[in-house]
N, C-alpha and C. Protein backbone atom coordinates (compact mmCIF):
# COMPACT_ATOMS: atom_id res chain seq x y z
N UNK A 1 0.75 126.60 47.38
CA UNK A 1 2.14 126.23 47.58
C UNK A 1 2.24 125.47 48.91
N UNK A 2 2.92 124.34 48.87
CA UNK A 2 3.08 123.57 50.10
C UNK A 2 4.11 124.24 51.00
N UNK A 3 4.12 123.83 52.25
CA UNK A 3 5.07 124.43 53.19
C UNK A 3 6.51 124.12 52.78
N UNK A 4 6.75 122.94 52.20
CA UNK A 4 8.10 122.59 51.76
C UNK A 4 8.54 123.49 50.61
N UNK A 5 7.63 123.77 49.69
CA UNK A 5 7.95 124.66 48.57
C UNK A 5 8.21 126.07 49.07
N UNK A 6 7.41 126.49 50.04
CA UNK A 6 7.58 127.83 50.60
C UNK A 6 8.93 127.95 51.30
N UNK A 7 9.30 126.96 52.07
CA UNK A 7 10.59 126.96 52.76
C UNK A 7 11.73 126.98 51.75
N UNK A 8 11.61 126.21 50.69
CA UNK A 8 12.65 126.19 49.66
C UNK A 8 12.79 127.55 49.00
N UNK A 9 11.66 128.21 48.71
CA UNK A 9 11.70 129.54 48.08
C UNK A 9 12.33 130.55 49.02
N UNK A 10 11.96 130.52 50.30
CA UNK A 10 12.54 131.45 51.27
C UNK A 10 14.03 131.20 51.44
N UNK A 11 14.43 129.94 51.50
CA UNK A 11 15.85 129.60 51.66
C UNK A 11 16.66 130.12 50.48
N UNK A 12 16.15 129.94 49.28
CA UNK A 12 16.85 130.43 48.08
C UNK A 12 16.98 131.95 48.12
N UNK A 13 15.90 132.63 48.49
CA UNK A 13 15.94 134.09 48.55
C UNK A 13 16.93 134.58 49.61
N UNK A 14 16.96 133.93 50.74
CA UNK A 14 17.88 134.32 51.82
C UNK A 14 19.33 134.10 51.39
N UNK A 15 19.60 132.96 50.78
CA UNK A 15 20.97 132.69 50.31
C UNK A 15 21.42 133.72 49.28
N UNK A 16 20.51 134.07 48.36
CA UNK A 16 20.85 135.06 47.34
C UNK A 16 21.12 136.42 47.99
N UNK A 17 20.29 136.79 48.95
CA UNK A 17 20.48 138.08 49.63
C UNK A 17 21.81 138.12 50.37
N UNK A 18 22.15 137.03 51.05
CA UNK A 18 23.42 136.97 51.77
C UNK A 18 24.58 137.10 50.79
N UNK A 19 24.48 136.42 49.66
CA UNK A 19 25.54 136.48 48.65
C UNK A 19 25.69 137.90 48.12
N UNK A 20 24.59 138.54 47.78
CA UNK A 20 24.63 139.89 47.23
C UNK A 20 25.13 140.89 48.26
N UNK A 21 24.61 140.81 49.47
CA UNK A 21 24.99 141.76 50.51
C UNK A 21 26.45 141.57 50.95
N UNK A 22 26.94 140.34 50.86
CA UNK A 22 28.31 140.06 51.26
C UNK A 22 29.34 140.50 50.23
N UNK A 23 28.92 140.69 49.01
CA UNK A 23 29.82 141.06 47.92
C UNK A 23 29.62 142.54 47.59
N UNK A 24 30.14 143.40 48.45
CA UNK A 24 29.90 144.85 48.30
C UNK A 24 30.44 145.42 47.01
N UNK A 25 31.55 144.91 46.54
CA UNK A 25 32.18 145.50 45.36
C UNK A 25 31.73 144.84 44.06
N UNK A 26 31.24 143.62 44.14
CA UNK A 26 30.83 142.91 42.93
C UNK A 26 29.34 143.00 42.65
N UNK A 27 28.57 143.54 43.59
CA UNK A 27 27.13 143.63 43.42
C UNK A 27 26.73 145.05 43.05
N UNK A 28 25.76 145.13 42.15
CA UNK A 28 25.25 146.44 41.76
C UNK A 28 24.03 146.78 42.62
N UNK A 29 23.59 148.01 42.52
CA UNK A 29 22.37 148.42 43.24
C UNK A 29 21.19 147.58 42.78
N UNK A 30 21.18 147.22 41.50
CA UNK A 30 20.09 146.40 40.97
C UNK A 30 20.10 145.02 41.61
N UNK A 31 21.30 144.44 41.83
CA UNK A 31 21.40 143.14 42.48
C UNK A 31 20.82 143.20 43.89
N UNK A 32 21.15 144.26 44.62
CA UNK A 32 20.66 144.43 45.98
C UNK A 32 19.14 144.60 45.97
N UNK A 33 18.64 145.44 45.08
CA UNK A 33 17.20 145.67 44.99
C UNK A 33 16.47 144.37 44.65
N UNK A 34 17.01 143.60 43.73
CA UNK A 34 16.38 142.33 43.34
C UNK A 34 16.39 141.36 44.52
N UNK A 35 17.49 141.28 45.24
CA UNK A 35 17.59 140.37 46.38
C UNK A 35 16.57 140.75 47.46
N UNK A 36 16.44 142.03 47.72
CA UNK A 36 15.48 142.49 48.72
C UNK A 36 14.06 142.18 48.26
N UNK A 37 13.78 142.40 46.99
CA UNK A 37 12.46 142.11 46.45
C UNK A 37 12.13 140.62 46.58
N UNK A 38 13.09 139.77 46.24
CA UNK A 38 12.88 138.32 46.34
C UNK A 38 12.62 137.90 47.79
N UNK A 39 13.34 138.51 48.73
CA UNK A 39 13.10 138.22 50.14
C UNK A 39 11.68 138.61 50.54
N UNK A 40 11.26 139.80 50.14
CA UNK A 40 9.91 140.26 50.47
C UNK A 40 8.86 139.32 49.88
N UNK A 41 9.05 138.92 48.64
CA UNK A 41 8.09 138.04 47.99
C UNK A 41 8.04 136.68 48.67
N UNK A 42 9.18 136.17 49.08
CA UNK A 42 9.20 134.86 49.72
C UNK A 42 8.56 134.90 51.10
N UNK A 43 8.64 136.05 51.75
CA UNK A 43 8.07 136.18 53.09
C UNK A 43 6.56 136.43 53.04
N UNK A 44 6.04 136.95 51.96
CA UNK A 44 4.61 137.21 51.86
C UNK A 44 3.80 135.93 51.97
N UNK A 45 4.32 134.85 51.47
CA UNK A 45 3.61 133.57 51.57
C UNK A 45 3.47 133.10 52.99
N UNK A 46 4.39 133.50 53.87
CA UNK A 46 4.33 133.05 55.26
C UNK A 46 3.28 133.80 56.05
N UNK A 47 2.74 134.88 55.51
CA UNK A 47 1.73 135.65 56.23
C UNK A 47 0.32 135.30 55.79
N UNK A 48 0.19 134.27 54.94
CA UNK A 48 -1.14 133.85 54.52
C UNK A 48 -1.90 133.31 55.72
N UNK A 49 -3.18 133.60 55.81
CA UNK A 49 -3.94 133.10 56.95
C UNK A 49 -4.04 131.59 56.93
N UNK A 50 -3.94 131.01 58.07
CA UNK A 50 -4.04 129.56 58.21
C UNK A 50 -5.49 129.20 58.46
N UNK A 51 -5.85 127.98 58.07
CA UNK A 51 -7.21 127.51 58.35
C UNK A 51 -7.35 127.30 59.84
N UNK A 52 -8.41 127.82 60.39
CA UNK A 52 -8.63 127.70 61.83
C UNK A 52 -9.68 126.63 62.08
N UNK A 53 -9.36 125.73 62.97
CA UNK A 53 -10.31 124.70 63.31
C UNK A 53 -11.42 125.32 64.15
N UNK A 54 -12.63 124.93 63.86
CA UNK A 54 -13.77 125.47 64.59
C UNK A 54 -13.85 124.86 65.98
N UNK A 55 -15.01 124.91 66.56
CA UNK A 55 -15.22 124.37 67.90
C UNK A 55 -15.40 122.85 67.80
N UNK A 56 -14.35 122.19 67.39
CA UNK A 56 -14.43 120.75 67.20
C UNK A 56 -13.90 119.99 68.41
N UNK A 57 -13.57 120.71 69.47
CA UNK A 57 -13.06 120.04 70.66
C UNK A 57 -14.22 119.34 71.37
N UNK A 58 -13.96 118.16 71.84
CA UNK A 58 -14.99 117.41 72.54
C UNK A 58 -15.04 117.86 74.00
N UNK A 59 -16.21 118.01 74.52
CA UNK A 59 -16.35 118.36 75.93
C UNK A 59 -16.51 117.10 76.75
N UNK A 60 -15.93 117.07 77.91
CA UNK A 60 -16.03 115.88 78.76
C UNK A 60 -16.84 116.15 79.99
């Protein structure tokens, strides 16, 4: 997944969570649980290890 796709997924999950959490009377427990799950899933991609550049720095 590209970083743009990851950002889009996280943004969607955050918006959904805000909508669900802000609507206390119209949201069910299942809506809240789903929103929290989506947030967790969207954040897991951000913890993937990044490729680390080796000792490619030039010495002067």
